[in-house]
C-alpha atoms as a PDB file:
ATOM      1  CA  MET A   1       0.000   0.000   0.000  1.00  0.00           C
ATOM      2  CA  MET A   2       2.774   2.445   0.890  1.00  0.00           C
ATOM      3  CA  VAL A   3       4.477   1.639  -2.423  1.00  0.00           C
ATOM      4  CA  ARG A   4       1.271   2.534  -4.321  1.00  0.00           C
ATOM      5  CA  ILE A   5       0.853   5.800  -2.435  1.00  0.00           C
ATOM      6  CA  ALA A   6       4.459   6.741  -3.050  1.00  0.00           C
ATOM      7  CA  ALA A   7       4.124   5.896  -6.750  1.00  0.00           C
ATOM      8  CA  SER A   8       0.963   8.024  -7.068  1.00  0.00           C
ATOM      9  CA  ILE A   9       2.582  10.978  -5.356  1.00  0.00           C
ATOM     10  CA  LEU A  10       5.673  10.696  -7.551  1.00  0.00           C
ATOM     11  CA  ALA A  11       3.533  10.590 -10.700  1.00  0.00           C
ATOM     12  CA  LEU A  12       1.660  13.713  -9.597  1.00  0.00           C
ATOM     13  CA  ILE A  13       4.926  15.471  -8.861  1.00  0.00           C
ATOM     14  CA  LEU A  14       6.328  14.602 -12.301  1.00  0.00           C
ATOM     15  CA  LEU A  15       3.135  15.833 -13.959  1.00  0.00           C
ATOM     16  CA  CYS A  16       3.360  19.172 -12.147  1.00  0.00           C
ATOM     17  CA  ALA A  17       7.056  19.459 -12.869  1.00  0.00           C
ATOM     18  CA  PHE A  18       6.927  18.777 -16.574  1.00  0.00           C
ATOM     19  CA  GLY A  19       3.341  19.664 -17.580  1.00  0.00           C
ATOM     20  CA  GLU A  20       4.163  23.365 -18.089  1.00  0.00           C
ATOM     21  CA  PHE A  21       7.089  22.628 -20.354  1.00  0.00           C
ATOM     22  CA  ALA A  22       5.318  19.872 -22.287  1.00  0.00           C
ATOM     23  CA  TRP A  23       2.421  22.210 -23.027  1.00  0.00           C
ATOM     24  CA  ARG A  24       4.737  24.974 -24.204  1.00  0.00           C
ATOM     25  CA  ALA A  25       6.658  22.518 -26.368  1.00  0.00           C
ATOM     26  CA  LEU A  26       3.400  21.503 -28.047  1.00  0.00           C
ATOM     27  CA  THR A  27       2.117  25.037 -28.494  1.00  0.00           C
ATOM     28  CA  GLY A  28       5.429  26.571 -29.520  1.00  0.00           C
ATOM     29  CA  GLN A  29       5.380  29.130 -26.697  1.00  0.00           C
ATOM     30  CA  PRO A  30       8.701  29.774 -24.940  1.00  0.00           C
ATOM     31  CA  PRO A  31       8.888  28.575 -21.325  1.00  0.00           C
ATOM     32  CA  HIS A  32       8.725  31.257 -18.622  1.00  0.00           C
ATOM     33  CA  GLN A  33      11.144  31.484 -15.767  1.00  0.00           C
ATOM     34  CA  VAL A  34       9.782  29.476 -12.886  1.00  0.00           C
ATOM     35  CA  VAL A  35      10.033  30.383  -9.228  1.00  0.00           C
ATOM     36  CA  ALA A  36      11.503  27.459  -7.256  1.00  0.00           C
ATOM     37  CA  LEU A  37       9.894  26.688  -3.928  1.00  0.00           C
ATOM     38  CA  ALA A  38      11.563  25.251  -0.864  1.00  0.00           C
ATOM     39  CA  PRO A  39      11.603  21.401  -0.692  1.00  0.00           C
ATOM     40  CA  VAL A  40       8.546  19.773   0.775  1.00  0.00           C
ATOM     41  CA  PHE A  41       8.500  16.397   2.541  1.00  0.00           C
ATOM     42  CA  SER A  42       6.369  13.479   1.420  1.00  0.00           C
ATOM     43  CA  PRO A  43       4.430  11.232   3.809  1.00  0.00           C
ATOM     44  CA  ALA A  44       5.915   8.350   5.739  1.00  0.00           C
ATOM     45  CA  GLY A  45       9.366   9.884   5.989  1.00  0.00           C
ATOM     46  CA  MET A  46      10.174   9.694   2.275  1.00  0.00           C
ATOM     47  CA  ALA A  47      13.018  11.815   0.900  1.00  0.00           C
ATOM     48  CA  PRO A  48      12.214  15.498   0.217  1.00  0.00           C
ATOM     49  CA  VAL A  49      11.168  16.465  -3.306  1.00  0.00           C
ATOM     50  CA  THR A  50      10.970  19.883  -4.987  1.00  0.00           C
ATOM     51  CA  PRO A  51       7.868  20.350  -7.159  1.00  0.00           C
ATOM     52  CA  ALA A  52       7.794  22.847 -10.033  1.00  0.00           C
ATOM     53  CA  PRO A  53       4.808  25.046  -9.165  1.00  0.00           C
ATOM     54  CA  PRO A  54       2.654  26.933 -11.697  1.00  0.00           C
ATOM     55  CA  LEU A  55       4.024  30.248 -10.400  1.00  0.00           C
ATOM     56  CA  ILE A  56       5.631  32.408 -13.066  1.00  0.00           C
ATOM     57  CA  ALA A  57       8.427  34.786 -12.130  1.00  0.00           C
ATOM     58  CA  PRO A  58       7.868  38.465 -12.964  1.00  0.00           C
ATOM     59  CA  PRO A  59       9.586  39.435 -16.217  1.00  0.00           C
ATOM     60  CA  PRO A  60      13.018  41.084 -15.853  1.00  0.00           C
ATOM     61  CA  GLN A  61      11.572  44.536 -16.630  1.00  0.00           C
ATOM     62  CA  GLN A  62       9.037  44.273 -13.798  1.00  0.00           C
ATOM     63  CA  ARG A  63      11.635  43.010 -11.348  1.00  0.00           C
ATOM     64  CA  ARG A  64      14.024  45.819 -12.264  1.00  0.00           C
ATOM     65  CA  CYS A  65      11.342  48.488 -11.925  1.00  0.00           C
ATOM     66  CA  SER A  66      10.270  47.307  -8.479  1.00  0.00           C
ATOM     67  CA  SER A  67      13.737  46.755  -7.063  1.00  0.00           C
ATOM     68  CA  GLY A  68      15.132  50.274  -6.737  1.00  0.00           C
ATOM     69  CA  ASP A  69      16.637  49.976  -3.270  1.00  0.00           C
ATOM     70  CA  GLY A  70      15.935  53.001  -1.116  1.00  0.00           C
ATOM     71  CA  PHE A  71      13.623  54.714  -3.624  1.00  0.00           C
ATOM     72  CA  ALA A  72      10.200  53.528  -2.484  1.00  0.00           C
ATOM     73  CA  GLN A  73       9.379  56.866  -0.857  1.00  0.00           C
ATOM     74  CA  ALA A  74      10.556  58.820  -3.908  1.00  0.00           C
ATOM     75  CA  ALA A  75       8.417  56.564  -6.095  1.00  0.00           C
ATOM     76  CA  ALA A  76       5.386  57.301  -3.936  1.00  0.00           C
ATOM     77  CA  GLN A  77       6.030  61.045  -4.225  1.00  0.00           C
ATOM     78  CA  ASN A  78       6.356  60.796  -8.010  1.00  0.00           C
ATOM     79  CA  ALA A  79       3.123  58.841  -8.262  1.00  0.00           C
ATOM     80  CA  ALA A  80       1.312  61.443  -6.157  1.00  0.00           C
ATOM     81  CA  SER A  81       2.696  64.418  -8.098  1.00  0.00           C
ATOM     82  CA  LEU A  82       2.274  63.063 -11.625  1.00  0.00           C
ATOM     83  CA  GLN A  83      -1.036  64.875 -12.165  1.00  0.00           C
ATOM     84  CA  THR A  84      -0.996  67.371  -9.300  1.00  0.00           C
ATOM     85  CA  LEU A  85       2.469  68.961  -8.995  1.00  0.00           C
ATOM     86  CA  PRO A  86       2.357  72.713  -9.716  1.00  0.00           C
ATOM     87  CA  VAL A  87       4.899  73.321 -12.493  1.00  0.00           C
ATOM     88  CA  ALA A  88       5.592  76.038 -15.028  1.00  0.00           C
ATOM     89  CA  PRO A  89       8.534  74.977 -17.218  1.00  0.00           C
ATOM     90  CA  PHE A  90       7.237  77.042 -20.125  1.00  0.00           C
ATOM     91  CA  ARG A  91       6.069  80.031 -18.087  1.00  0.00           C
ATOM     92  CA  ARG A  92       2.493  78.809 -17.931  1.00  0.00           C
ATOM     93  CA  ALA A  93       1.108  77.190 -14.812  1.00  0.00           C
ATOM     94  CA  GLU A  94       0.358  73.506 -15.215  1.00  0.00           C
ATOM     95  CA  SER A  95      -0.918  70.827 -12.872  1.00  0.00           C
ATOM     96  CA  GLY A  96       1.250  67.732 -13.028  1.00  0.00           C
ATOM     97  CA  TRP A  97       4.097  66.638 -15.255  1.00  0.00           C
ATOM     98  CA  GLU A  98       2.546  63.664 -17.039  1.00  0.00           C
ATOM     99  CA  VAL A  99       2.617  65.384 -20.421  1.00  0.00           C
ATOM    100  CA  TYR A 100       6.425  65.388 -20.146  1.00  0.00           C
ATOM    101  CA  LEU A 101       6.650  61.789 -18.932  1.00  0.00           C
ATOM    102  CA  PRO A 102       7.603  60.177 -22.289  1.00  0.00           C
ATOM    103  CA  LEU A 103      10.459  62.630 -22.850  1.00  0.00           C
ATOM    104  CA  THR A 104      11.554  62.325 -19.223  1.00  0.00           C
ATOM    105  CA  ALA A 105      11.662  58.530 -19.304  1.00  0.00           C
ATOM    106  CA  LEU A 106      13.699  58.609 -22.505  1.00  0.00           C
ATOM    107  CA  GLU A 107      16.082  61.191 -21.059  1.00  0.00           C
ATOM    108  CA  ILE A 108      16.782  59.303 -17.853  1.00  0.00           C
ATOM    109  CA  GLY A 109      16.993  55.989 -19.679  1.00  0.00           C
ATOM    110  CA  THR A 110      14.157  53.982 -18.182  1.00  0.00           C
ATOM    111  CA  THR A 111      11.003  52.234 -19.292  1.00  0.00           C
ATOM    112  CA  CYS A 112       9.715  51.914 -15.728  1.00  0.00           C
ATOM    113  CA  PRO A 113       6.429  53.653 -14.886  1.00  0.00           C
ATOM    114  CA  PRO A 114       6.684  56.820 -12.783  1.00  0.00           C
ATOM    115  CA  GLN A 115       5.269  55.139  -9.672  1.00  0.00           C
ATOM    116  CA  ALA A 116       8.037  52.510  -9.683  1.00  0.00           C
ATOM    117  CA  PRO A 117      11.189  52.670  -7.558  1.00  0.00           C
ATOM    118  CA  GLY A 118      13.156  51.882 -10.714  1.00  0.00           C
ATOM    119  CA  PHE A 119      11.969  55.155 -12.268  1.00  0.00           C
ATOM    120  CA  ALA A 120      13.031  57.117  -9.189  1.00  0.00           C
ATOM    121  CA  GLN A 121      16.391  55.347  -9.212  1.00  0.00           C
ATOM    122  CA  ALA A 122      16.964  56.269 -12.875  1.00  0.00           C
ATOM    123  CA  LEU A 123      15.932  59.868 -12.184  1.00  0.00           C
ATOM    124  CA  ALA A 124      18.353  60.004  -9.237  1.00  0.00           C
ATOM    125  CA  ALA A 125      21.179  58.813 -11.487  1.00  0.00           C
ATOM    126  CA  TRP A 126      20.340  61.557 -13.999  1.00  0.00           C
ATOM    127  CA  GLN A 127      20.150  64.146 -11.228  1.00  0.00           C
ATOM    128  CA  GLY A 128      23.538  63.138  -9.891  1.00  0.00           C
ATOM    129  CA  ALA A 129      25.110  63.250 -13.352  1.00  0.00           C
ATOM    130  CA  HIS A 130      23.858  66.818 -13.742  1.00  0.00           C
ATOM    131  CA  GLY A 131      24.998  68.079 -10.349  1.00  0.00           C
ATOM    132  CA  LEU A 132      21.529  68.033  -8.802  1.00  0.00           C
ATOM    133  CA  PRO A 133      20.361  66.454  -5.525  1.00  0.00           C
ATOM    134  CA  ALA A 134      20.039  62.770  -6.398  1.00  0.00           C
ATOM    135  CA  ASN A 135      16.830  62.055  -4.502  1.00  0.00           C
ATOM    136  CA  GLY A 136      14.836  60.576  -7.395  1.00  0.00           C
ATOM    137  CA  VAL A 137      11.938  62.982  -6.864  1.00  0.00           C
ATOM    138  CA  MET A 138      10.422  65.025  -9.687  1.00  0.00           C
ATOM    139  CA  ASP A 139       9.751  68.679  -8.916  1.00  0.00           C
ATOM    140  CA  ASP A 140       9.485  71.958 -10.801  1.00  0.00           C
ATOM    141  CA  ALA A 141      13.240  72.603 -10.627  1.00  0.00           C
ATOM    142  CA  ILE A 142      14.065  69.165 -12.057  1.00  0.00           C
ATOM    143  CA  LEU A 143      11.494  69.544 -14.814  1.00  0.00           C
ATOM    144  CA  THR A 144      12.959  72.939 -15.675  1.00  0.00           C
ATOM    145  CA  ALA A 145      16.432  71.400 -15.828  1.00  0.00           C
ATOM    146  CA  LEU A 146      15.117  68.707 -18.164  1.00  0.00           C
ATOM    147  CA  LYS A 147      13.513  71.386 -20.312  1.00  0.00           C
ATOM    148  CA  GLY A 148      16.886  73.098 -20.670  1.00  0.00           C
ATOM    149  CA  VAL A 149      18.426  69.870 -21.966  1.00  0.00           C
ATOM    150  CA  TRP A 150      15.585  69.310 -24.419  1.00  0.00           C
ATOM    151  CA  LEU A 151      15.686  72.847 -25.774  1.00  0.00           C
ATOM    152  CA  SER A 152      19.471  72.733 -26.177  1.00  0.00           C
ATOM    153  CA  ARG A 153      18.972  70.117 -28.898  1.00  0.00           C
ATOM    154  CA  ARG A 154      16.958  72.514 -31.059  1.00  0.00           C
ATOM    155  CA  PRO A 155      19.285  74.368 -33.452  1.00  0.00           C
ATOM    156  CA  PHE A 156      16.644  77.086 -33.709  1.00  0.00           C
ATOM    157  CA  VAL A 157      17.068  77.871 -30.003  1.00  0.00           C
ATOM    158  CA  ALA A 158      20.821  78.309 -30.421  1.00  0.00           C
ATOM    159  CA  ALA A 159      20.319  80.432 -33.523  1.00  0.00           C
ATOM    160  CA  THR A 160      17.973  82.816 -31.717  1.00  0.00           C
ATOM    161  CA  ALA A 161      19.735  82.850 -28.340  1.00  0.00           C
ATOM    162  CA  HIS A 162      21.132  86.366 -28.790  1.00  0.00           C
ATOM    163  CA  GLY A 163      18.049  87.954 -30.268  1.00  0.00           C
ATOM    164  CA  ALA A 164      18.772  87.266 -33.930  1.00  0.00           C
ATOM    165  CA  CYS A 165      16.168  85.595 -36.110  1.00  0.00           C
ATOM    166  CA  PRO A 166      17.253  83.318 -38.991  1.00  0.00           C
ATOM    167  CA  ALA A 167      16.401  84.554 -42.444  1.00  0.00           C
ATOM    168  CA  PRO A 168      13.837  82.407 -44.224  1.00  0.00           C
ATOM    169  CA  PRO A 169      15.040  80.227 -47.101  1.00  0.00           C
ATOM    170  CA  THR A 170      14.563  81.453 -50.641  1.00  0.00           C
ATOM    171  CA  PRO A 171      11.838  79.662 -52.638  1.00  0.00           C
ATOM    172  CA  ASP A 172      14.385  77.577 -54.541  1.00  0.00           C
ATOM    173  CA  ARG A 173      15.531  76.057 -51.223  1.00  0.00           C
ATOM    174  CA  LEU A 174      12.080  74.663 -50.422  1.00  0.00           C
ATOM    175  CA  ALA A 175      10.472  71.436 -51.643  1.00  0.00           C
ATOM    176  CA  GLN A 176       6.756  70.821 -52.090  1.00  0.00           C
ATOM    177  CA  ALA A 177       5.282  67.836 -50.272  1.00  0.00           C
ATOM    178  CA  LEU A 178       2.883  65.386 -51.876  1.00  0.00           C
ATOM    179  CA  PRO A 179      -0.842  65.881 -51.240  1.00  0.00           C
ATOM    180  CA  ALA A 180      -1.029  62.600 -49.284  1.00  0.00           C
ATOM    181  CA  GLU A 181       1.607  63.904 -46.876  1.00  0.00           C
ATOM    182  CA  GLY A 182      -0.501  66.871 -45.830  1.00  0.00           C
ATOM    183  CA  TYR A 183      -3.274  66.684 -43.262  1.00  0.00           C
ATOM    184  CA  PHE A 184      -6.395  66.344 -45.399  1.00  0.00           C
ATOM    185  CA  ALA A 185      -4.109  67.002 -48.390  1.00  0.00           C
ATOM    186  CA  LYS A 186      -3.127  70.436 -47.097  1.00  0.00           C
ATOM    187  CA  PRO A 187      -0.114  71.707 -49.089  1.00  0.00           C
ATOM    188  CA  PHE A 188       3.128  72.368 -47.227  1.00  0.00           C
ATOM    189  CA  GLN A 189       6.809  72.878 -47.890  1.00  0.00           C
ATOM    190  CA  LEU A 190      10.047  71.940 -46.136  1.00  0.00           C
ATOM    191  CA  ARG A 191      13.680  72.140 -47.077  1.00  0.00           C
ATOM    192  CA  PRO A 192      14.462  69.160 -49.361  1.00  0.00           C
ATOM    193  CA  ALA A 193      16.645  67.241 -46.906  1.00  0.00           C
ATOM    194  CA  ALA A 194      14.144  67.781 -44.103  1.00  0.00           C
ATOM    195  CA  LEU A 195      11.351  66.495 -46.340  1.00  0.00           C
ATOM    196  CA  ASP A 196      13.396  63.403 -47.161  1.00  0.00           C
ATOM    197  CA  ALA A 197      14.006  62.801 -43.446  1.00  0.00           C
ATOM    198  CA  TYR A 198      10.289  63.228 -42.745  1.00  0.00           C
ATOM    199  CA  ARG A 199       9.407  60.657 -45.388  1.00  0.00           C
ATOM    200  CA  ALA A 200      11.919  58.142 -44.047  1.00  0.00           C
ATOM    201  CA  MET A 201      10.572  58.626 -40.528  1.00  0.00           C
ATOM    202  CA  VAL A 202       6.926  58.185 -41.519  1.00  0.00           C
ATOM    203  CA  SER A 203       7.752  55.090 -43.544  1.00  0.00           C
ATOM    204  CA  ALA A 204       9.488  53.556 -40.534  1.00  0.00           C
ATOM    205  CA  ALA A 205       6.667  54.493 -38.159  1.00  0.00           C
ATOM    206  CA  ARG A 206       4.011  52.861 -40.333  1.00  0.00           C
ATOM    207  CA  ARG A 207       6.181  49.802 -40.789  1.00  0.00           C
ATOM    208  CA  GLU A 208       7.009  49.418 -37.095  1.00  0.00           C
ATOM    209  CA  ASP A 209       3.752  50.390 -35.358  1.00  0.00           C
ATOM    210  CA  PRO A 210       0.444  48.863 -36.503  1.00  0.00           C
ATOM    211  CA  ALA A 211      -1.534  51.536 -34.635  1.00  0.00           C
ATOM    212  CA  ILE A 212       0.083  54.236 -36.758  1.00  0.00           C
ATOM    213  CA  ALA A 213      -0.294  52.253 -39.962  1.00  0.00           C
ATOM    214  CA  ALA A 214      -4.006  51.779 -39.256  1.00  0.00           C
ATOM    215  CA  ASP A 215      -4.762  55.519 -39.472  1.00  0.00           C
ATOM    216  CA  PRO A 216      -3.397  57.234 -42.605  1.00  0.00           C
ATOM    217  CA  ARG A 217      -3.985  60.654 -41.058  1.00  0.00           C
ATOM    218  CA  LEU A 218      -1.381  60.063 -38.365  1.00  0.00           C
ATOM    219  CA  LEU A 219       1.921  61.875 -38.991  1.00  0.00           C
ATOM    220  CA  THR A 220       0.493  63.908 -41.848  1.00  0.00           C
ATOM    221  CA  VAL A 221       1.585  67.536 -41.653  1.00  0.00           C
ATOM    222  CA  PHE A 222      -0.745  70.446 -41.065  1.00  0.00           C
ATOM    223  CA  SER A 223       1.965  73.114 -40.947  1.00  0.00           C
ATOM    224  CA  GLY A 224       5.452  73.234 -42.464  1.00  0.00           C
ATOM    225  CA  TYR A 225       7.288  76.275 -43.768  1.00  0.00           C
ATOM    226  CA  ARG A 226       5.442  79.502 -43.041  1.00  0.00           C
ATOM    227  CA  ASP A 227       6.266  82.827 -44.617  1.00  0.00           C
ATOM    228  CA  PRO A 228       7.298  85.135 -41.730  1.00  0.00           C
ATOM    229  CA  VAL A 229       5.124  88.059 -42.770  1.00  0.00           C
ATOM    230  CA  ALA A 230       2.025  85.966 -43.303  1.00  0.00           C
ATOM    231  CA  ASP A 231       2.765  83.936 -40.192  1.00  0.00           C
ATOM    232  CA  ALA A 232       3.039  86.991 -37.960  1.00  0.00           C
ATOM    233  CA  ALA A 233      -0.218  88.387 -39.273  1.00  0.00           C
ATOM    234  CA  SER A 234      -2.017  85.061 -38.808  1.00  0.00           C
ATOM    235  CA  CYS A 235      -0.658  84.523 -35.310  1.00  0.00           C
ATOM    236  CA  LEU A 236      -1.654  87.961 -34.136  1.00  0.00           C
ATOM    237  CA  LEU A 237      -5.072  87.616 -35.729  1.00  0.00           C
ATOM    238  CA  ARG A 238      -5.761  84.290 -34.014  1.00  0.00           C
ATOM    239  CA  GLY A 239      -4.137  85.375 -30.775  1.00  0.00           C
ATOM    240  CA  ASN A 240      -2.690  81.949 -29.951  1.00  0.00           C
ATOM    241  CA  CYS A 241       0.959  82.308 -30.834  1.00  0.00           C
ATOM    242  CA  GLY A 242       2.487  82.795 -27.411  1.00  0.00           C
ATOM    243  CA  GLY A 243       3.234  86.504 -27.730  1.00  0.00           C
ATOM    244  CA  ALA A 244       4.910  88.884 -30.139  1.00  0.00           C
ATOM    245  CA  ALA A 245       8.300  87.177 -30.022  1.00  0.00           C
ATOM    246  CA  LYS A 246       6.919  83.923 -31.352  1.00  0.00           C
ATOM    247  CA  ALA A 247       4.736  85.715 -33.871  1.00  0.00           C
ATOM    248  CA  ASN A 248       7.742  87.604 -35.216  1.00  0.00           C
ATOM    249  CA  CYS A 249      10.234  84.727 -35.156  1.00  0.00           C
ATOM    250  CA  SER A 250       8.709  81.284 -35.449  1.00  0.00           C
ATOM    251  CA  ALA A 251      10.751  78.159 -36.106  1.00  0.00           C
ATOM    252  CA  HIS A 252       8.439  77.533 -39.037  1.00  0.00           C
ATOM    253  CA  ARG A 253      10.172  80.318 -40.971  1.00  0.00           C
ATOM    254  CA  THR A 254      13.258  78.081 -41.324  1.00  0.00           C
ATOM    255  CA  GLY A 255      11.646  75.348 -43.418  1.00  0.00           C
ATOM    256  CA  LEU A 256      12.951  72.862 -40.843  1.00  0.00           C
ATOM    257  CA  ALA A 257       9.926  72.755 -38.527  1.00  0.00           C
ATOM    258  CA  MET A 258       6.600  71.024 -38.934  1.00  0.00           C
ATOM    259  CA  ASP A 259       3.410  70.276 -37.026  1.00  0.00           C
ATOM    260  CA  MET A 260       2.084  66.738 -37.418  1.00  0.00           C
ATOM    261  CA  TYR A 261      -1.311  65.252 -36.755  1.00  0.00           C
ATOM    262  CA  LEU A 262      -0.998  62.878 -33.767  1.00  0.00           C
ATOM    263  CA  GLY A 263      -4.683  62.738 -32.938  1.00  0.00           C
ATOM    264  CA  ALA A 264      -6.799  65.152 -30.900  1.00  0.00           C
ATOM    265  CA  ALA A 265      -8.703  65.014 -27.649  1.00  0.00           C
ATOM    266  CA  PRO A 266     -12.489  65.074 -28.099  1.00  0.00           C
ATOM    267  CA  GLY A 267     -13.630  68.625 -28.684  1.00  0.00           C
ATOM    268  CA  PHE A 268     -10.153  70.005 -29.468  1.00  0.00           C
ATOM    269  CA  PRO A 269      -8.297  70.728 -32.710  1.00  0.00           C
ATOM    270  CA  PRO A 270      -5.036  68.784 -33.202  1.00  0.00           C
ATOM    271  CA  ASP A 271      -2.855  71.804 -32.376  1.00  0.00           C
ATOM    272  CA  SER A 272      -4.740  72.977 -29.301  1.00  0.00           C
ATOM    273  CA  ALA A 273      -2.352  74.005 -26.524  1.00  0.00           C
ATOM    274  CA  ALA A 274      -5.046  73.356 -23.922  1.00  0.00           C
ATOM    275  CA  ASP A 275      -3.723  71.034 -21.248  1.00  0.00           C
ATOM    276  CA  PRO A 276      -6.331  68.279 -21.811  1.00  0.00           C
ATOM    277  CA  ASN A 277      -5.331  68.031 -25.474  1.00  0.00           C
ATOM    278  CA  ARG A 278      -1.605  68.080 -24.763  1.00  0.00           C
ATOM    279  CA  LEU A 279      -2.004  65.349 -22.151  1.00  0.00           C
ATOM    280  CA  TYR A 280      -4.134  63.281 -24.503  1.00  0.00           C
ATOM    281  CA  LEU A 281      -1.535  63.536 -27.271  1.00  0.00           C
ATOM    282  CA  SER A 282       1.293  62.579 -24.917  1.00  0.00           C
ATOM    283  CA  ARG A 283      -0.416  59.221 -24.377  1.00  0.00           C
ATOM    284  CA  GLN A 284      -1.030  58.416 -28.038  1.00  0.00           C
ATOM    285  CA  PRO A 285       0.899  55.762 -30.002  1.00  0.00           C
ATOM    286  CA  ALA A 286       2.094  58.265 -32.608  1.00  0.00           C
ATOM    287  CA  TYR A 287       3.714  60.551 -30.047  1.00  0.00           C
ATOM    288  CA  LEU A 288       5.190  57.673 -28.064  1.00  0.00           C
ATOM    289  CA  TRP A 289       6.737  56.246 -31.222  1.00  0.00           C
ATOM    290  CA  LEU A 290       8.154  59.659 -32.160  1.00  0.00           C
ATOM    291  CA  VAL A 291       9.696  60.201 -28.733  1.00  0.00           C
ATOM    292  CA  ALA A 292      11.428  56.836 -28.958  1.00  0.00           C
ATOM    293  CA  ASN A 293      12.431  56.951 -32.625  1.00  0.00           C
ATOM    294  CA  ALA A 294      12.351  60.407 -34.236  1.00  0.00           C
ATOM    295  CA  GLY A 295      15.947  61.053 -33.203  1.00  0.00           C
ATOM    296  CA  ARG A 296      17.028  58.288 -35.580  1.00  0.00           C
ATOM    297  CA  PHE A 297      15.952  60.610 -38.393  1.00  0.00           C
ATOM    298  CA  GLY A 298      17.253  63.868 -36.928  1.00  0.00           C
ATOM    299  CA  TRP A 299      13.964  65.203 -35.534  1.00  0.00           C
ATOM    300  CA  VAL A 300      13.501  66.711 -32.054  1.00  0.00           C
ATOM    301  CA  ASN A 301      10.370  67.790 -30.249  1.00  0.00           C
ATOM    302  CA  TYR A 302       9.427  71.150 -28.795  1.00  0.00           C
ATOM    303  CA  PRO A 303       8.187  69.652 -25.503  1.00  0.00           C
ATOM    304  CA  PHE A 304       5.305  72.043 -24.871  1.00  0.00           C
ATOM    305  CA  GLU A 305       3.707  71.059 -28.195  1.00  0.00           C
ATOM    306  CA  PRO A 306       3.660  67.301 -28.835  1.00  0.00           C
ATOM    307  CA  TRP A 307       2.822  67.929 -32.498  1.00  0.00           C
ATOM    308  CA  HIS A 308       5.781  70.275 -33.206  1.00  0.00           C
ATOM    309  CA  TRP A 309       9.045  68.742 -34.477  1.00  0.00           C
ATOM    310  CA  GLU A 310      12.224  70.289 -35.866  1.00  0.00           C
ATOM    311  CA  TRP A 311      14.906  68.796 -38.057  1.00  0.00           C
ATOM    312  CA  THR A 312      18.489  69.095 -36.834  1.00  0.00           C
ATOM    313  CA  GLY A 313      20.271  68.041 -40.006  1.00  0.00           C
ATOM    314  CA  GLU A 314      21.188  71.557 -41.128  1.00  0.00           C
ATOM    315  CA  ALA A 315      21.479  75.013 -39.654  1.00  0.00           C
ATOM    316  CA  PRO A 316      18.350  77.211 -39.526  1.00  0.00           C
END
């Protein structure tokens, strides 16, 4: 009788141990990492055995994000401030820093969510590398420091740093886009090399992200080169250009800047600077793909406007 019981228990153990892997061999799915449990003892004083339980270890990314030693409190602060922290990196009061989360995560080199200790740990490393208190906590000063890094990558910012405004390109230095490249076939122009870089980027985005490929409107352009005189008049007429300085010297005058359709929050146009629309765009697949990949093609984002991108391949 004891022999039968022992044989039954051993068969059950072998089934538990190898059932997971047999199933995955049949289905073609790769086996997960399995968490080993401590040995358990069988009845009647038999030797200990170690079953393979159906518990799957967290993937490496999840383990890394949750294992930032000493950053649990910073993670809690970041989670609490994500949508509530008073900030004003672009001289306009905002509530929370979530709209800047994709750029921040890329900058500090993490894919961990903002509520994870791993995010706080990565932020602390970035803070320390930039001579800032390495506490892993996001605040207005840190966001402003990040903004300075982001803006330093825009050649237009360097070109206008001392009050000068780049002269617009002559008509022969502009290329006309195809109707399908414009938002609802709206005509636009860019410098030829910038237009080539735009086309390469869009081709890659549609090839690499099914969500972008599914909507042909995504990444079409609703504003490229803008004549400075006409642009100033239009900005002042609409009253949404951020003041006289922007109206008189927009990056669009260079032929290296463009505004792309990334979607729009319900009730808002695609270029609305209202916070609900900006936050909505920052969560969309098109913007997330651009943040991760546009640099491969020489494009950088003006962080306050998710739709606005500038090419860095030539001087303004």
